[in-house]
Amino acid sequence: LVAAENILLTGVIAGDASLAVDNISFGDAAR
């Protein structure tokens, strides 16, 4: 559960994800 203006996700989230965000980017292994 994440609230941020900018999010970078490069890891793995095993469960659900609730994201409040303006800009989001992902790494190659993000899932």
Full PDB file with SEQRES, HELIX, SHEET, SSBOND, CRYST1, ORIGX, SCALE, CONECT and MASTER records, all heavy atoms in Angstrom:
SEQRES   1 A   31  LEU VAL ALA ALA GLU ASN ILE LEU LEU THR GLY VAL ILE          
SEQRES   2 A   31  ALA GLY ASP ALA SER LEU ALA VAL ASP ASN ILE SER PHE          
SEQRES   3 A   31  GLY ASP ALA ALA ARG                                          
SHEET    1 AA1 2 VAL A   2  LEU A   9  0                                        
SHEET    2 AA1 2 LEU A  19  PHE A  26  1                                        
CRYST1    1.000    1.000    1.000  90.00  90.00  90.00 P 1           1          
ORIGX1      1.000000  0.000000  0.000000        0.00000                         
ORIGX2      0.000000  1.000000  0.000000        0.00000                         
ORIGX3      0.000000  0.000000  1.000000        0.00000                         
SCALE1      1.000000  0.000000  0.000000        0.00000                         
SCALE2      0.000000  1.000000  0.000000        0.00000                         
SCALE3      0.000000  0.000000  1.000000        0.00000                         
ATOM      1  N   LEU A   1       0.868  -1.174   0.000  1.00  0.00           N  
ATOM      2  CA  LEU A   1       0.000   0.000   0.000  1.00  0.00           C  
ATOM      3  C   LEU A   1       0.906   1.225   0.000  1.00  0.00           C  
ATOM      4  O   LEU A   1       1.553   1.523   1.002  1.00  0.00           O  
ATOM      5  CB  LEU A   1      -0.914  -0.004   1.227  1.00  0.00           C  
ATOM      6  CG  LEU A   1      -1.838   1.200   1.413  1.00  0.00           C  
ATOM      7  CD1 LEU A   1      -2.821   1.309   0.265  1.00  0.00           C  
ATOM      8  CD2 LEU A   1      -2.578   1.110   2.737  1.00  0.00           C  
ATOM      9  N   VAL A   2       0.966   1.921  -1.135  1.00  0.00           N  
ATOM     10  CA  VAL A   2       1.950   2.988  -1.318  1.00  0.00           C  
ATOM     11  C   VAL A   2       1.271   4.228  -1.887  1.00  0.00           C  
ATOM     12  O   VAL A   2       0.510   4.141  -2.855  1.00  0.00           O  
ATOM     13  CB  VAL A   2       3.087   2.543  -2.268  1.00  0.00           C  
ATOM     14  CG1 VAL A   2       4.088   3.669  -2.449  1.00  0.00           C  
ATOM     15  CG2 VAL A   2       3.775   1.292  -1.728  1.00  0.00           C  
ATOM     16  N   ALA A   3       1.558   5.364  -1.288  1.00  0.00           N  
ATOM     17  CA  ALA A   3       1.110   6.661  -1.801  1.00  0.00           C  
ATOM     18  C   ALA A   3       2.341   7.521  -2.024  1.00  0.00           C  
ATOM     19  O   ALA A   3       3.070   7.811  -1.076  1.00  0.00           O  
ATOM     20  CB  ALA A   3       0.146   7.327  -0.834  1.00  0.00           C  
ATOM     21  N   ALA A   4       2.591   7.919  -3.271  1.00  0.00           N  
ATOM     22  CA  ALA A   4       3.773   8.706  -3.597  1.00  0.00           C  
ATOM     23  C   ALA A   4       3.548   9.417  -4.921  1.00  0.00           C  
ATOM     24  O   ALA A   4       2.772   8.964  -5.764  1.00  0.00           O  
ATOM     25  CB  ALA A   4       5.010   7.822  -3.661  1.00  0.00           C  
ATOM     26  N   GLU A   5       4.257  10.518  -5.087  1.00  0.00           N  
ATOM     27  CA  GLU A   5       4.170  11.221  -6.369  1.00  0.00           C  
ATOM     28  C   GLU A   5       4.914  10.462  -7.453  1.00  0.00           C  
ATOM     29  O   GLU A   5       4.466  10.390  -8.601  1.00  0.00           O  
ATOM     30  CB  GLU A   5       4.741  12.633  -6.219  1.00  0.00           C  
ATOM     31  CG  GLU A   5       4.588  13.481  -7.464  1.00  0.00           C  
ATOM     32  CD  GLU A   5       5.045  14.911  -7.253  1.00  0.00           C  
ATOM     33  OE1 GLU A   5       5.078  15.353  -6.090  1.00  0.00           O  
ATOM     34  OE2 GLU A   5       5.361  15.588  -8.252  1.00  0.00           O  
ATOM     35  N   ASN A   6       6.052   9.870  -7.077  1.00  0.00           N  
ATOM     36  CA  ASN A   6       6.863   9.123  -8.041  1.00  0.00           C  
ATOM     37  C   ASN A   6       7.224   7.768  -7.444  1.00  0.00           C  
ATOM     38  O   ASN A   6       7.720   7.699  -6.306  1.00  0.00           O  
ATOM     39  CB  ASN A   6       8.141   9.887  -8.390  1.00  0.00           C  
ATOM     40  CG  ASN A   6       7.856  11.251  -9.000  1.00  0.00           C  
ATOM     41  OD1 ASN A   6       7.499  11.356 -10.163  1.00  0.00           O  
ATOM     42  ND2 ASN A   6       7.990  12.303  -8.188  1.00  0.00           N  
ATOM     43  N   ILE A   7       7.000   6.700  -8.197  1.00  0.00           N  
ATOM     44  CA  ILE A   7       7.301   5.344  -7.746  1.00  0.00           C  
ATOM     45  C   ILE A   7       8.164   4.647  -8.789  1.00  0.00           C  
ATOM     46  O   ILE A   7       7.868   4.694  -9.993  1.00  0.00           O  
ATOM     47  CB  ILE A   7       6.012   4.515  -7.522  1.00  0.00           C  
ATOM     48  CG1 ILE A   7       5.175   5.125  -6.395  1.00  0.00           C  
ATOM     49  CG2 ILE A   7       6.352   3.061  -7.198  1.00  0.00           C  
ATOM     50  CD1 ILE A   7       3.859   4.387  -6.158  1.00  0.00           C  
ATOM     51  N   LEU A   8       9.239   4.012  -8.307  1.00  0.00           N  
ATOM     52  CA  LEU A   8      10.052   3.133  -9.138  1.00  0.00           C  
ATOM     53  C   LEU A   8       9.975   1.737  -8.550  1.00  0.00           C  
ATOM     54  O   LEU A   8      10.355   1.525  -7.396  1.00  0.00           O  
ATOM     55  CB  LEU A   8      11.507   3.604  -9.193  1.00  0.00           C  
ATOM     56  CG  LEU A   8      12.498   2.629  -9.845  1.00  0.00           C  
ATOM     57  CD1 LEU A   8      12.142   2.387 -11.318  1.00  0.00           C  
ATOM     58  CD2 LEU A   8      13.938   3.133  -9.719  1.00  0.00           C  
ATOM     59  N   LEU A   9       9.476   0.781  -9.329  1.00  0.00           N  
ATOM     60  CA  LEU A   9       9.356  -0.610  -8.890  1.00  0.00           C  
ATOM     61  C   LEU A   9      10.270  -1.474  -9.734  1.00  0.00           C  
ATOM     62  O   LEU A   9      10.095  -1.578 -10.956  1.00  0.00           O  
ATOM     63  CB  LEU A   9       7.906  -1.087  -9.012  1.00  0.00           C  
ATOM     64  CG  LEU A   9       7.653  -2.563  -8.698  1.00  0.00           C  
ATOM     65  CD1 LEU A   9       7.976  -2.875  -7.242  1.00  0.00           C  
ATOM     66  CD2 LEU A   9       6.202  -2.945  -9.012  1.00  0.00           C  
ATOM     67  N   THR A  10      11.243  -2.098  -9.064  1.00  0.00           N  
ATOM     68  CA  THR A  10      12.130  -3.034  -9.764  1.00  0.00           C  
ATOM     69  C   THR A  10      12.035  -4.429  -9.178  1.00  0.00           C  
ATOM     70  O   THR A  10      12.587  -5.371  -9.745  1.00  0.00           O  
ATOM     71  CB  THR A  10      13.593  -2.562  -9.689  1.00  0.00           C  
ATOM     72  OG1 THR A  10      14.022  -2.564  -8.325  1.00  0.00           O  
ATOM     73  CG2 THR A  10      13.741  -1.156 -10.252  1.00  0.00           C  
ATOM     74  N   GLY A  11      11.368  -4.585  -8.033  1.00  0.00           N  
ATOM     75  CA  GLY A  11      11.239  -5.876  -7.378  1.00  0.00           C  
ATOM     76  C   GLY A  11       9.905  -6.536  -7.685  1.00  0.00           C  
ATOM     77  O   GLY A  11       9.147  -6.116  -8.570  1.00  0.00           O  
ATOM     78  N   VAL A  12       9.602  -7.563  -6.897  1.00  0.00           N  
ATOM     79  CA  VAL A  12       8.391  -8.356  -7.081  1.00  0.00           C  
ATOM     80  C   VAL A  12       7.487  -8.182  -5.873  1.00  0.00           C  
ATOM     81  O   VAL A  12       7.934  -8.305  -4.731  1.00  0.00           O  
ATOM     82  CB  VAL A  12       8.719  -9.848  -7.272  1.00  0.00           C  
ATOM     83  CG1 VAL A  12       7.446 -10.687  -7.372  1.00  0.00           C  
ATOM     84  CG2 VAL A  12       9.586 -10.039  -8.507  1.00  0.00           C  
ATOM     85  N   ILE A  13       6.218  -7.879  -6.110  1.00  0.00           N  
ATOM     86  CA  ILE A  13       5.207  -7.805  -5.064  1.00  0.00           C  
ATOM     87  C   ILE A  13       4.363  -9.067  -5.164  1.00  0.00           C  
ATOM     88  O   ILE A  13       3.662  -9.278  -6.161  1.00  0.00           O  
ATOM     89  CB  ILE A  13       4.331  -6.546  -5.212  1.00  0.00           C  
ATOM     90  CG1 ILE A  13       5.201  -5.288  -5.101  1.00  0.00           C  
ATOM     91  CG2 ILE A  13       3.229  -6.539  -4.161  1.00  0.00           C  
ATOM     92  CD1 ILE A  13       4.444  -3.992  -5.334  1.00  0.00           C  
ATOM     93  N   ALA A  14       4.430  -9.917  -4.147  1.00  0.00           N  
ATOM     94  CA  ALA A  14       3.786 -11.228  -4.219  1.00  0.00           C  
ATOM     95  C   ALA A  14       2.266 -11.145  -4.103  1.00  0.00           C  
ATOM     96  O   ALA A  14       1.561 -12.015  -4.608  1.00  0.00           O  
ATOM     97  CB  ALA A  14       4.342 -12.141  -3.122  1.00  0.00           C  
ATOM     98  N   GLY A  15       1.750 -10.116  -3.431  1.00  0.00           N  
ATOM     99  CA  GLY A  15       0.305  -9.991  -3.250  1.00  0.00           C  
ATOM    100  C   GLY A  15      -0.264  -8.855  -4.072  1.00  0.00           C  
ATOM    101  O   GLY A  15       0.251  -8.485  -5.131  1.00  0.00           O  
ATOM    102  N   ASP A  16      -1.355  -8.289  -3.575  1.00  0.00           N  
ATOM    103  CA  ASP A  16      -1.980  -7.156  -4.244  1.00  0.00           C  
ATOM    104  C   ASP A  16      -1.178  -5.881  -4.000  1.00  0.00           C  
ATOM    105  O   ASP A  16      -0.453  -5.761  -3.004  1.00  0.00           O  
ATOM    106  CB  ASP A  16      -3.411  -6.950  -3.735  1.00  0.00           C  
ATOM    107  CG  ASP A  16      -4.312  -8.139  -4.065  1.00  0.00           C  
ATOM    108  OD1 ASP A  16      -3.985  -8.871  -5.023  1.00  0.00           O  
ATOM    109  OD2 ASP A  16      -5.324  -8.326  -3.365  1.00  0.00           O  
ATOM    110  N   ALA A  17      -1.349  -4.919  -4.895  1.00  0.00           N  
ATOM    111  CA  ALA A  17      -0.687  -3.628  -4.752  1.00  0.00           C  
ATOM    112  C   ALA A  17      -1.710  -2.524  -4.944  1.00  0.00           C  
ATOM    113  O   ALA A  17      -2.440  -2.508  -5.937  1.00  0.00           O  
ATOM    114  CB  ALA A  17       0.445  -3.482  -5.761  1.00  0.00           C  
ATOM    115  N   SER A  18      -1.775  -1.630  -3.979  1.00  0.00           N  
ATOM    116  CA  SER A  18      -2.633  -0.455  -4.061  1.00  0.00           C  
ATOM    117  C   SER A  18      -1.728   0.762  -4.124  1.00  0.00           C  
ATOM    118  O   SER A  18      -1.072   1.104  -3.141  1.00  0.00           O  
ATOM    119  CB  SER A  18      -3.580  -0.385  -2.856  1.00  0.00           C  
ATOM    120  OG  SER A  18      -4.433   0.736  -2.941  1.00  0.00           O  
ATOM    121  N   LEU A  19      -1.682   1.416  -5.298  1.00  0.00           N  
ATOM    122  CA  LEU A  19      -0.729   2.490  -5.532  1.00  0.00           C  
ATOM    123  C   LEU A  19      -1.462   3.777  -5.885  1.00  0.00           C  
ATOM    124  O   LEU A  19      -2.233   3.816  -6.847  1.00  0.00           O  
ATOM    125  CB  LEU A  19       0.229   2.126  -6.668  1.00  0.00           C  
ATOM    126  CG  LEU A  19       0.948   0.775  -6.563  1.00  0.00           C  
ATOM    127  CD1 LEU A  19       1.837   0.555  -7.783  1.00  0.00           C  
ATOM    128  CD2 LEU A  19       1.753   0.682  -5.283  1.00  0.00           C  
ATOM    129  N   ALA A  20      -1.237   4.817  -5.101  1.00  0.00           N  
ATOM    130  CA  ALA A  20      -1.720   6.159  -5.411  1.00  0.00           C  
ATOM    131  C   ALA A  20      -0.516   6.954  -5.891  1.00  0.00           C  
ATOM    132  O   ALA A  20       0.394   7.246  -5.117  1.00  0.00           O  
ATOM    133  CB  ALA A  20      -2.351   6.805  -4.185  1.00  0.00           C  
ATOM    134  N   VAL A  21      -0.482   7.324  -7.179  1.00  0.00           N  
ATOM    135  CA  VAL A  21       0.749   7.813  -7.770  1.00  0.00           C  
ATOM    136  C   VAL A  21       0.448   8.749  -8.934  1.00  0.00           C  
ATOM    137  O   VAL A  21      -0.615   8.650  -9.577  1.00  0.00           O  
ATOM    138  CB  VAL A  21       1.596   6.604  -8.253  1.00  0.00           C  
ATOM    139  CG1 VAL A  21       0.863   5.822  -9.332  1.00  0.00           C  
ATOM    140  CG2 VAL A  21       2.963   7.038  -8.736  1.00  0.00           C  
ATOM    141  N   ASP A  22       1.407   9.640  -9.221  1.00  0.00           N  
ATOM    142  CA  ASP A  22       1.334  10.482 -10.414  1.00  0.00           C  
ATOM    143  C   ASP A  22       2.185   9.912 -11.538  1.00  0.00           C  
ATOM    144  O   ASP A  22       1.766   9.881 -12.692  1.00  0.00           O  
ATOM    145  CB  ASP A  22       1.803  11.904 -10.085  1.00  0.00           C  
ATOM    146  CG  ASP A  22       0.823  12.653  -9.206  1.00  0.00           C  
ATOM    147  OD1 ASP A  22      -0.368  12.281  -9.209  1.00  0.00           O  
ATOM    148  OD2 ASP A  22       1.240  13.597  -8.507  1.00  0.00           O  
ATOM    149  N   ASN A  23       3.402   9.464 -11.185  1.00  0.00           N  
ATOM    150  CA  ASN A  23       4.316   8.905 -12.182  1.00  0.00           C  
ATOM    151  C   ASN A  23       4.888   7.605 -11.646  1.00  0.00           C  
ATOM    152  O   ASN A  23       5.315   7.538 -10.489  1.00  0.00           O  
ATOM    153  CB  ASN A  23       5.467   9.882 -12.469  1.00  0.00           C  
ATOM    154  CG  ASN A  23       4.966  11.238 -12.924  1.00  0.00           C  
ATOM    155  OD1 ASN A  23       4.437  11.377 -14.007  1.00  0.00           O  
ATOM    156  ND2 ASN A  23       5.134  12.247 -12.060  1.00  0.00           N  
ATOM    157  N   ILE A  24       4.895   6.571 -12.493  1.00  0.00           N  
ATOM    158  CA  ILE A  24       5.413   5.275 -12.062  1.00  0.00           C  
ATOM    159  C   ILE A  24       6.250   4.681 -13.184  1.00  0.00           C  
ATOM    160  O   ILE A  24       5.918   4.802 -14.368  1.00  0.00           O  
ATOM    161  CB  ILE A  24       4.266   4.307 -11.671  1.00  0.00           C  
ATOM    162  CG1 ILE A  24       4.826   3.013 -11.096  1.00  0.00           C  
ATOM    163  CG2 ILE A  24       3.320   4.051 -12.832  1.00  0.00           C  
ATOM    164  CD1 ILE A  24       3.779   2.126 -10.453  1.00  0.00           C  
ATOM    165  N   SER A  25       7.384   4.067 -12.809  1.00  0.00           N  
ATOM    166  CA  SER A  25       8.255   3.407 -13.775  1.00  0.00           C  
ATOM    167  C   SER A  25       8.664   2.056 -13.216  1.00  0.00           C  
ATOM    168  O   SER A  25       8.570   1.809 -12.004  1.00  0.00           O  
ATOM    169  CB  SER A  25       9.488   4.263 -14.081  1.00  0.00           C  
ATOM    170  OG  SER A  25      10.166   4.620 -12.882  1.00  0.00           O  
ATOM    171  N   PHE A  26       9.134   1.175 -14.104  1.00  0.00           N  
ATOM    172  CA  PHE A  26       9.392  -0.205 -13.714  1.00  0.00           C  
ATOM    173  C   PHE A  26      10.744  -0.671 -14.232  1.00  0.00           C  
ATOM    174  O   PHE A  26      11.207  -0.240 -15.304  1.00  0.00           O  
ATOM    175  CB  PHE A  26       8.300  -1.136 -14.273  1.00  0.00           C  
ATOM    176  CG  PHE A  26       6.911  -0.773 -13.846  1.00  0.00           C  
ATOM    177  CD1 PHE A  26       6.125   0.059 -14.631  1.00  0.00           C  
ATOM    178  CD2 PHE A  26       6.393  -1.247 -12.649  1.00  0.00           C  
ATOM    179  CE1 PHE A  26       4.838   0.402 -14.241  1.00  0.00           C  
ATOM    180  CE2 PHE A  26       5.112  -0.914 -12.247  1.00  0.00           C  
ATOM    181  CZ  PHE A  26       4.338  -0.082 -13.049  1.00  0.00           C  
ATOM    182  N   GLY A  27      11.375  -1.568 -13.454  1.00  0.00           N  
ATOM    183  CA  GLY A  27      12.579  -2.236 -13.897  1.00  0.00           C  
ATOM    184  C   GLY A  27      12.237  -3.474 -14.698  1.00  0.00           C  
ATOM    185  O   GLY A  27      11.074  -3.894 -14.792  1.00  0.00           O  
ATOM    186  N   ASP A  28      13.278  -4.109 -15.285  1.00  0.00           N  
ATOM    187  CA  ASP A  28      13.053  -5.279 -16.135  1.00  0.00           C  
ATOM    188  C   ASP A  28      12.460  -6.452 -15.361  1.00  0.00           C  
ATOM    189  O   ASP A  28      11.695  -7.247 -15.926  1.00  0.00           O  
ATOM    190  CB  ASP A  28      14.371  -5.705 -16.787  1.00  0.00           C  
ATOM    191  CG  ASP A  28      14.907  -4.647 -17.747  1.00  0.00           C  
ATOM    192  OD1 ASP A  28      14.083  -3.847 -18.241  1.00  0.00           O  
ATOM    193  OD2 ASP A  28      16.129  -4.622 -17.978  1.00  0.00           O  
ATOM    194  N   ALA A  29      12.800  -6.576 -14.068  1.00  0.00           N  
ATOM    195  CA  ALA A  29      12.332  -7.717 -13.277  1.00  0.00           C  
ATOM    196  C   ALA A  29      11.106  -7.386 -12.439  1.00  0.00           C  
ATOM    197  O   ALA A  29      10.659  -8.213 -11.632  1.00  0.00           O  
ATOM    198  CB  ALA A  29      13.464  -8.208 -12.371  1.00  0.00           C  
ATOM    199  N   ALA A  30      10.533  -6.218 -12.606  1.00  0.00           N  
ATOM    200  CA  ALA A  30       9.379  -5.816 -11.793  1.00  0.00           C  
ATOM    201  C   ALA A  30       8.168  -6.683 -12.112  1.00  0.00           C  
ATOM    202  O   ALA A  30       7.901  -7.004 -13.282  1.00  0.00           O  
ATOM    203  CB  ALA A  30       9.058  -4.346 -12.040  1.00  0.00           C  
ATOM    204  N   ARG A  31       7.437  -7.037 -11.060  1.00  0.00           N  
ATOM    205  CA  ARG A  31       6.249  -7.883 -11.261  1.00  0.00           C  
ATOM    206  C   ARG A  31       5.304  -7.730 -10.074  1.00  0.00           C  
ATOM    207  O   ARG A  31       5.746  -7.592  -8.936  1.00  0.00           O  
ATOM    208  CB  ARG A  31       6.641  -9.346 -11.427  1.00  0.00           C  
ATOM    209  CG  ARG A  31       5.503 -10.238 -11.919  1.00  0.00           C  
ATOM    210  CD  ARG A  31       5.965 -11.657 -12.175  1.00  0.00           C  
ATOM    211  NE  ARG A  31       6.128 -12.409 -10.920  1.00  0.00           N  
ATOM    212  CZ  ARG A  31       7.290 -12.831 -10.447  1.00  0.00           C  
ATOM    213  NH1 ARG A  31       8.408 -12.562 -11.112  1.00  0.00           N  
ATOM    214  NH2 ARG A  31       7.349 -13.506  -9.324  1.00  0.00           N  
TER     215      ARG A  31                                                      
MASTER        0    0    0    0    2    0    0    6  214    1    0    3          
END                                                                             
